[in-house]
Amino acid sequence: LKPYTPEPKVFLGQLAYLQLSQFEIL
């Protein structure tokens, strides 16, 4: 998977919003 990891900003941006949205739902 290493060659297909998005750049840090993209990777962290979508991961952060996934966590925030899950917190909102809970």
PDB file of all heavy atoms in Angstrom:
ATOM      1  N   LEU A   1       0.804  -1.217   0.000  1.00  0.00           N
ATOM      2  CA  LEU A   1       0.000   0.000   0.000  1.00  0.00           C
ATOM      3  C   LEU A   1       0.842   1.273   0.000  1.00  0.00           C
ATOM      4  O   LEU A   1       0.312   2.356  -0.243  1.00  0.00           O
ATOM      5  CB  LEU A   1      -0.927   0.009   1.217  1.00  0.00           C
ATOM      6  CG  LEU A   1      -1.988  -1.091   1.278  1.00  0.00           C
ATOM      7  CD1 LEU A   1      -2.805  -0.938   2.556  1.00  0.00           C
ATOM      8  CD2 LEU A   1      -2.891  -1.042   0.065  1.00  0.00           C
ATOM      9  N   LYS A   2       2.110   1.130   0.245  1.00  0.00           N
ATOM     10  CA  LYS A   2       2.949   2.317   0.400  1.00  0.00           C
ATOM     11  C   LYS A   2       2.887   3.276  -0.785  1.00  0.00           C
ATOM     12  O   LYS A   2       2.774   4.489  -0.599  1.00  0.00           O
ATOM     13  CB  LYS A   2       4.404   1.893   0.669  1.00  0.00           C
ATOM     14  CG  LYS A   2       5.328   3.047   1.028  1.00  0.00           C
ATOM     15  CD  LYS A   2       6.693   2.534   1.443  1.00  0.00           C
ATOM     16  CE  LYS A   2       7.602   3.675   1.876  1.00  0.00           C
ATOM     17  NZ  LYS A   2       8.934   3.182   2.320  1.00  0.00           N
ATOM     18  N   PRO A   3       2.950   2.784  -2.035  1.00  0.00           N
ATOM     19  CA  PRO A   3       2.917   3.728  -3.164  1.00  0.00           C
ATOM     20  C   PRO A   3       1.576   4.441  -3.320  1.00  0.00           C
ATOM     21  O   PRO A   3       1.480   5.422  -4.041  1.00  0.00           O
ATOM     22  CB  PRO A   3       3.194   2.820  -4.381  1.00  0.00           C
ATOM     23  CG  PRO A   3       3.804   1.584  -3.828  1.00  0.00           C
ATOM     24  CD  PRO A   3       3.171   1.402  -2.496  1.00  0.00           C
ATOM     25  N   TYR A   4       0.525   3.957  -2.667  1.00  0.00           N
ATOM     26  CA  TYR A   4      -0.813   4.483  -2.888  1.00  0.00           C
ATOM     27  C   TYR A   4      -1.337   5.294  -1.705  1.00  0.00           C
ATOM     28  O   TYR A   4      -2.509   5.646  -1.663  1.00  0.00           O
ATOM     29  CB  TYR A   4      -1.765   3.322  -3.207  1.00  0.00           C
ATOM     30  CG  TYR A   4      -1.181   2.402  -4.248  1.00  0.00           C
ATOM     31  CD1 TYR A   4      -0.966   1.060  -3.968  1.00  0.00           C
ATOM     32  CD2 TYR A   4      -0.801   2.890  -5.490  1.00  0.00           C
ATOM     33  CE1 TYR A   4      -0.394   0.223  -4.910  1.00  0.00           C
ATOM     34  CE2 TYR A   4      -0.234   2.061  -6.434  1.00  0.00           C
ATOM     35  CZ  TYR A   4      -0.026   0.733  -6.156  1.00  0.00           C
ATOM     36  OH  TYR A   4       0.530  -0.086  -7.089  1.00  0.00           O
ATOM     37  N   THR A   5      -0.465   5.574  -0.750  1.00  0.00           N
ATOM     38  CA  THR A   5      -0.845   6.424   0.374  1.00  0.00           C
ATOM     39  C   THR A   5      -0.951   7.864  -0.103  1.00  0.00           C
ATOM     40  O   THR A   5      -0.024   8.383  -0.721  1.00  0.00           O
ATOM     41  CB  THR A   5       0.197   6.342   1.499  1.00  0.00           C
ATOM     42  OG1 THR A   5       0.361   4.979   1.892  1.00  0.00           O
ATOM     43  CG2 THR A   5      -0.231   7.174   2.697  1.00  0.00           C
ATOM     44  N   PRO A   6      -2.079   8.540   0.148  1.00  0.00           N
ATOM     45  CA  PRO A   6      -2.186   9.950  -0.249  1.00  0.00           C
ATOM     46  C   PRO A   6      -1.154  10.804   0.472  1.00  0.00           C
ATOM     47  O   PRO A   6      -0.574  10.391   1.482  1.00  0.00           O
ATOM     48  CB  PRO A   6      -3.613  10.331   0.181  1.00  0.00           C
ATOM     49  CG  PRO A   6      -4.334   9.039   0.356  1.00  0.00           C
ATOM     50  CD  PRO A   6      -3.302   8.050   0.807  1.00  0.00           C
ATOM     51  N   GLU A   7      -0.950  12.012  -0.032  1.00  0.00           N
ATOM     52  CA  GLU A   7      -0.044  12.930   0.652  1.00  0.00           C
ATOM     53  C   GLU A   7      -0.585  13.221   2.054  1.00  0.00           C
ATOM     54  O   GLU A   7      -1.792  13.092   2.304  1.00  0.00           O
ATOM     55  CB  GLU A   7       0.097  14.217  -0.157  1.00  0.00           C
ATOM     56  CG  GLU A   7      -1.211  14.955  -0.374  1.00  0.00           C
ATOM     57  CD  GLU A   7      -1.007  16.211  -1.193  1.00  0.00           C
ATOM     58  OE1 GLU A   7       0.081  16.784  -1.114  1.00  0.00           O
ATOM     59  OE2 GLU A   7      -1.935  16.622  -1.893  1.00  0.00           O
ATOM     60  N   PRO A   8       0.286  13.615   2.999  1.00  0.00           N
ATOM     61  CA  PRO A   8      -0.141  13.767   4.399  1.00  0.00           C
ATOM     62  C   PRO A   8      -1.370  14.632   4.605  1.00  0.00           C
ATOM     63  O   PRO A   8      -2.248  14.291   5.405  1.00  0.00           O
ATOM     64  CB  PRO A   8       1.099  14.376   5.064  1.00  0.00           C
ATOM     65  CG  PRO A   8       2.245  13.858   4.252  1.00  0.00           C
ATOM     66  CD  PRO A   8       1.736  13.814   2.839  1.00  0.00           C
ATOM     67  N   LYS A   9      -1.474  15.761   3.900  1.00  0.00           N
ATOM     68  CA  LYS A   9      -2.619  16.645   4.096  1.00  0.00           C
ATOM     69  C   LYS A   9      -3.923  15.936   3.725  1.00  0.00           C
ATOM     70  O   LYS A   9      -4.927  16.022   4.450  1.00  0.00           O
ATOM     71  CB  LYS A   9      -2.463  17.918   3.259  1.00  0.00           C
ATOM     72  CG  LYS A   9      -3.657  18.860   3.377  1.00  0.00           C
ATOM     73  CD  LYS A   9      -3.483  20.080   2.485  1.00  0.00           C
ATOM     74  CE  LYS A   9      -4.738  20.983   2.546  1.00  0.00           C
ATOM     75  NZ  LYS A   9      -4.600  22.162   1.662  1.00  0.00           N
ATOM     76  N   VAL A  10      -3.909  15.225   2.610  1.00  0.00           N
ATOM     77  CA  VAL A  10      -5.103  14.502   2.155  1.00  0.00           C
ATOM     78  C   VAL A  10      -5.417  13.349   3.100  1.00  0.00           C
ATOM     79  O   VAL A  10      -6.562  13.145   3.510  1.00  0.00           O
ATOM     80  CB  VAL A  10      -4.907  13.988   0.715  1.00  0.00           C
ATOM     81  CG1 VAL A  10      -6.069  13.077   0.301  1.00  0.00           C
ATOM     82  CG2 VAL A  10      -4.756  15.150  -0.251  1.00  0.00           C
ATOM     83  N   PHE A  11      -4.389  12.600   3.444  1.00  0.00           N
ATOM     84  CA  PHE A  11      -4.560  11.452   4.335  1.00  0.00           C
ATOM     85  C   PHE A  11      -5.158  11.885   5.675  1.00  0.00           C
ATOM     86  O   PHE A  11      -6.170  11.345   6.131  1.00  0.00           O
ATOM     87  CB  PHE A  11      -3.214  10.768   4.555  1.00  0.00           C
ATOM     88  CG  PHE A  11      -3.268   9.572   5.466  1.00  0.00           C
ATOM     89  CD1 PHE A  11      -3.394   8.297   4.946  1.00  0.00           C
ATOM     90  CD2 PHE A  11      -3.180   9.716   6.852  1.00  0.00           C
ATOM     91  CE1 PHE A  11      -3.440   7.187   5.786  1.00  0.00           C
ATOM     92  CE2 PHE A  11      -3.228   8.615   7.688  1.00  0.00           C
ATOM     93  CZ  PHE A  11      -3.357   7.349   7.152  1.00  0.00           C
ATOM     94  N   LEU A  12      -4.531  12.885   6.300  1.00  0.00           N
ATOM     95  CA  LEU A  12      -4.969  13.325   7.628  1.00  0.00           C
ATOM     96  C   LEU A  12      -6.297  14.069   7.567  1.00  0.00           C
ATOM     97  O   LEU A  12      -7.101  13.977   8.499  1.00  0.00           O
ATOM     98  CB  LEU A  12      -3.897  14.199   8.264  1.00  0.00           C
ATOM     99  CG  LEU A  12      -2.564  13.506   8.579  1.00  0.00           C
ATOM    100  CD1 LEU A  12      -1.548  14.521   9.085  1.00  0.00           C
ATOM    101  CD2 LEU A  12      -2.757  12.390   9.600  1.00  0.00           C
ATOM    102  N   GLY A  13      -6.541  14.789   6.487  1.00  0.00           N
ATOM    103  CA  GLY A  13      -7.773  15.554   6.371  1.00  0.00           C
ATOM    104  C   GLY A  13      -9.004  14.662   6.359  1.00  0.00           C
ATOM    105  O   GLY A  13      -9.964  14.891   7.116  1.00  0.00           O
ATOM    106  N   GLN A  14      -8.978  13.610   5.534  1.00  0.00           N
ATOM    107  CA  GLN A  14     -10.153  12.731   5.481  1.00  0.00           C
ATOM    108  C   GLN A  14     -10.262  11.871   6.741  1.00  0.00           C
ATOM    109  O   GLN A  14     -11.372  11.606   7.225  1.00  0.00           O
ATOM    110  CB  GLN A  14     -10.147  11.878   4.226  1.00  0.00           C
ATOM    111  CG  GLN A  14      -8.926  11.060   3.965  1.00  0.00           C
ATOM    112  CD  GLN A  14      -8.953  10.421   2.580  1.00  0.00           C
ATOM    113  OE1 GLN A  14     -10.011  10.199   1.992  1.00  0.00           O
ATOM    114  NE2 GLN A  14      -7.777  10.108   2.048  1.00  0.00           N
ATOM    115  N   LEU A  15      -9.128  11.464   7.295  1.00  0.00           N
ATOM    116  CA  LEU A  15      -9.165  10.679   8.530  1.00  0.00           C
ATOM    117  C   LEU A  15      -9.718  11.519   9.684  1.00  0.00           C
ATOM    118  O   LEU A  15     -10.525  11.027  10.494  1.00  0.00           O
ATOM    119  CB  LEU A  15      -7.767  10.175   8.864  1.00  0.00           C
ATOM    120  CG  LEU A  15      -7.634   9.363  10.158  1.00  0.00           C
ATOM    121  CD1 LEU A  15      -8.578   8.158  10.153  1.00  0.00           C
ATOM    122  CD2 LEU A  15      -6.184   8.898  10.355  1.00  0.00           C
ATOM    123  N   ALA A  16      -9.312  12.774   9.762  1.00  0.00           N
ATOM    124  CA  ALA A  16      -9.796  13.649  10.835  1.00  0.00           C
ATOM    125  C   ALA A  16     -11.307  13.836  10.747  1.00  0.00           C
ATOM    126  O   ALA A  16     -12.014  13.766  11.763  1.00  0.00           O
ATOM    127  CB  ALA A  16      -9.092  15.002  10.760  1.00  0.00           C
ATOM    128  N   TYR A  17     -11.809  14.055   9.528  1.00  0.00           N
ATOM    129  CA  TYR A  17     -13.254  14.283   9.429  1.00  0.00           C
ATOM    130  C   TYR A  17     -14.051  13.006   9.682  1.00  0.00           C
ATOM    131  O   TYR A  17     -15.164  13.059  10.211  1.00  0.00           O
ATOM    132  CB  TYR A  17     -13.641  14.877   8.074  1.00  0.00           C
ATOM    133  CG  TYR A  17     -15.045  15.449   8.140  1.00  0.00           C
ATOM    134  CD1 TYR A  17     -15.272  16.659   8.774  1.00  0.00           C
ATOM    135  CD2 TYR A  17     -16.135  14.742   7.632  1.00  0.00           C
ATOM    136  CE1 TYR A  17     -16.557  17.172   8.900  1.00  0.00           C
ATOM    137  CE2 TYR A  17     -17.420  15.246   7.750  1.00  0.00           C
ATOM    138  CZ  TYR A  17     -17.622  16.462   8.388  1.00  0.00           C
ATOM    139  OH  TYR A  17     -18.901  16.953   8.521  1.00  0.00           O
ATOM    140  N   LEU A  18     -13.504  11.865   9.322  1.00  0.00           N
ATOM    141  CA  LEU A  18     -14.166  10.605   9.659  1.00  0.00           C
ATOM    142  C   LEU A  18     -14.325  10.462  11.168  1.00  0.00           C
ATOM    143  O   LEU A  18     -15.395  10.085  11.663  1.00  0.00           O
ATOM    144  CB  LEU A  18     -13.370   9.419   9.103  1.00  0.00           C
ATOM    145  CG  LEU A  18     -13.596   9.069   7.640  1.00  0.00           C
ATOM    146  CD1 LEU A  18     -12.546   8.065   7.166  1.00  0.00           C
ATOM    147  CD2 LEU A  18     -15.000   8.507   7.418  1.00  0.00           C
ATOM    148  N   GLN A  19     -13.270  10.784  11.913  1.00  0.00           N
ATOM    149  CA  GLN A  19     -13.336  10.684  13.373  1.00  0.00           C
ATOM    150  C   GLN A  19     -14.302  11.710  13.956  1.00  0.00           C
ATOM    151  O   GLN A  19     -15.088  11.400  14.867  1.00  0.00           O
ATOM    152  CB  GLN A  19     -11.941  10.866  13.979  1.00  0.00           C
ATOM    153  CG  GLN A  19     -10.915   9.838  13.534  1.00  0.00           C
ATOM    154  CD  GLN A  19     -11.294   8.423  13.929  1.00  0.00           C
ATOM    155  OE1 GLN A  19     -11.958   8.189  14.934  1.00  0.00           O
ATOM    156  NE2 GLN A  19     -10.875   7.451  13.123  1.00  0.00           N
ATOM    157  N   LEU A  20     -14.280  12.915  13.422  1.00  0.00           N
ATOM    158  CA  LEU A  20     -15.173  13.960  13.913  1.00  0.00           C
ATOM    159  C   LEU A  20     -16.635  13.602  13.638  1.00  0.00           C
ATOM    160  O   LEU A  20     -17.508  13.793  14.491  1.00  0.00           O
ATOM    161  CB  LEU A  20     -14.828  15.300  13.258  1.00  0.00           C
ATOM    162  CG  LEU A  20     -15.635  16.516  13.719  1.00  0.00           C
ATOM    163  CD1 LEU A  20     -15.470  16.751  15.218  1.00  0.00           C
ATOM    164  CD2 LEU A  20     -15.219  17.765  12.925  1.00  0.00           C
ATOM    165  N   SER A  21     -16.906  13.067  12.449  1.00  0.00           N
ATOM    166  CA  SER A  21     -18.281  12.707  12.100  1.00  0.00           C
ATOM    167  C   SER A  21     -18.781  11.543  12.949  1.00  0.00           C
ATOM    168  O   SER A  21     -19.957  11.491  13.322  1.00  0.00           O
ATOM    169  CB  SER A  21     -18.377  12.363  10.611  1.00  0.00           C
ATOM    170  OG  SER A  21     -17.603  11.214  10.291  1.00  0.00           O
ATOM    171  N   GLN A  22     -17.899  10.615  13.280  1.00  0.00           N
ATOM    172  CA  GLN A  22     -18.304   9.502  14.140  1.00  0.00           C
ATOM    173  C   GLN A  22     -18.610  10.002  15.550  1.00  0.00           C
ATOM    174  O   GLN A  22     -19.568   9.538  16.186  1.00  0.00           O
ATOM    175  CB  GLN A  22     -17.204   8.442  14.167  1.00  0.00           C
ATOM    176  CG  GLN A  22     -17.096   7.667  12.865  1.00  0.00           C
ATOM    177  CD  GLN A  22     -15.882   6.759  12.813  1.00  0.00           C
ATOM    178  OE1 GLN A  22     -15.299   6.422  13.846  1.00  0.00           O
ATOM    179  NE2 GLN A  22     -15.486   6.356  11.619  1.00  0.00           N
ATOM    180  N   PHE A  23     -17.812  10.941  16.033  1.00  0.00           N
ATOM    181  CA  PHE A  23     -18.082  11.547  17.339  1.00  0.00           C
ATOM    182  C   PHE A  23     -19.451  12.234  17.333  1.00  0.00           C
ATOM    183  O   PHE A  23     -20.240  12.098  18.275  1.00  0.00           O
ATOM    184  CB  PHE A  23     -16.980  12.559  17.678  1.00  0.00           C
ATOM    185  CG  PHE A  23     -17.337  13.487  18.802  1.00  0.00           C
ATOM    186  CD1 PHE A  23     -17.344  13.043  20.118  1.00  0.00           C
ATOM    187  CD2 PHE A  23     -17.672  14.809  18.545  1.00  0.00           C
ATOM    188  CE1 PHE A  23     -17.687  13.893  21.160  1.00  0.00           C
ATOM    189  CE2 PHE A  23     -18.010  15.677  19.579  1.00  0.00           C
ATOM    190  CZ  PHE A  23     -18.017  15.211  20.894  1.00  0.00           C
ATOM    191  N   GLU A  24     -19.749  12.952  16.247  1.00  0.00           N
ATOM    192  CA  GLU A  24     -21.027  13.650  16.138  1.00  0.00           C
ATOM    193  C   GLU A  24     -22.198  12.662  16.177  1.00  0.00           C
ATOM    194  O   GLU A  24     -23.209  12.896  16.848  1.00  0.00           O
ATOM    195  CB  GLU A  24     -21.062  14.448  14.838  1.00  0.00           C
ATOM    196  CG  GLU A  24     -22.345  15.230  14.632  1.00  0.00           C
ATOM    197  CD  GLU A  24     -22.361  15.956  13.304  1.00  0.00           C
ATOM    198  OE1 GLU A  24     -21.540  15.622  12.424  1.00  0.00           O
ATOM    199  OE2 GLU A  24     -23.212  16.850  13.141  1.00  0.00           O
ATOM    200  N   ILE A  25     -22.066  11.536  15.472  1.00  0.00           N
ATOM    201  CA  ILE A  25     -23.133  10.534  15.437  1.00  0.00           C
ATOM    202  C   ILE A  25     -23.328   9.915  16.815  1.00  0.00           C
ATOM    203  O   ILE A  25     -24.463   9.745  17.293  1.00  0.00           O
ATOM    204  CB  ILE A  25     -22.811   9.443  14.399  1.00  0.00           C
ATOM    205  CG1 ILE A  25     -22.871  10.027  12.992  1.00  0.00           C
ATOM    206  CG2 ILE A  25     -23.773   8.262  14.516  1.00  0.00           C
ATOM    207  CD1 ILE A  25     -22.361   9.104  11.921  1.00  0.00           C
ATOM    208  N   LEU A  26     -22.227   9.575  17.480  1.00  0.00           N
ATOM    209  CA  LEU A  26     -22.330   8.938  18.795  1.00  0.00           C
ATOM    210  C   LEU A  26     -22.977   9.868  19.824  1.00  0.00           C
ATOM    211  O   LEU A  26     -23.822   9.442  20.615  1.00  0.00           O
ATOM    212  CB  LEU A  26     -20.945   8.495  19.273  1.00  0.00           C
ATOM    213  CG  LEU A  26     -20.288   7.366  18.475  1.00  0.00           C
ATOM    214  CD1 LEU A  26     -18.892   7.073  19.021  1.00  0.00           C
ATOM    215  CD2 LEU A  26     -21.144   6.113  18.510  1.00  0.00           C
TER     216      LEU A  26
END
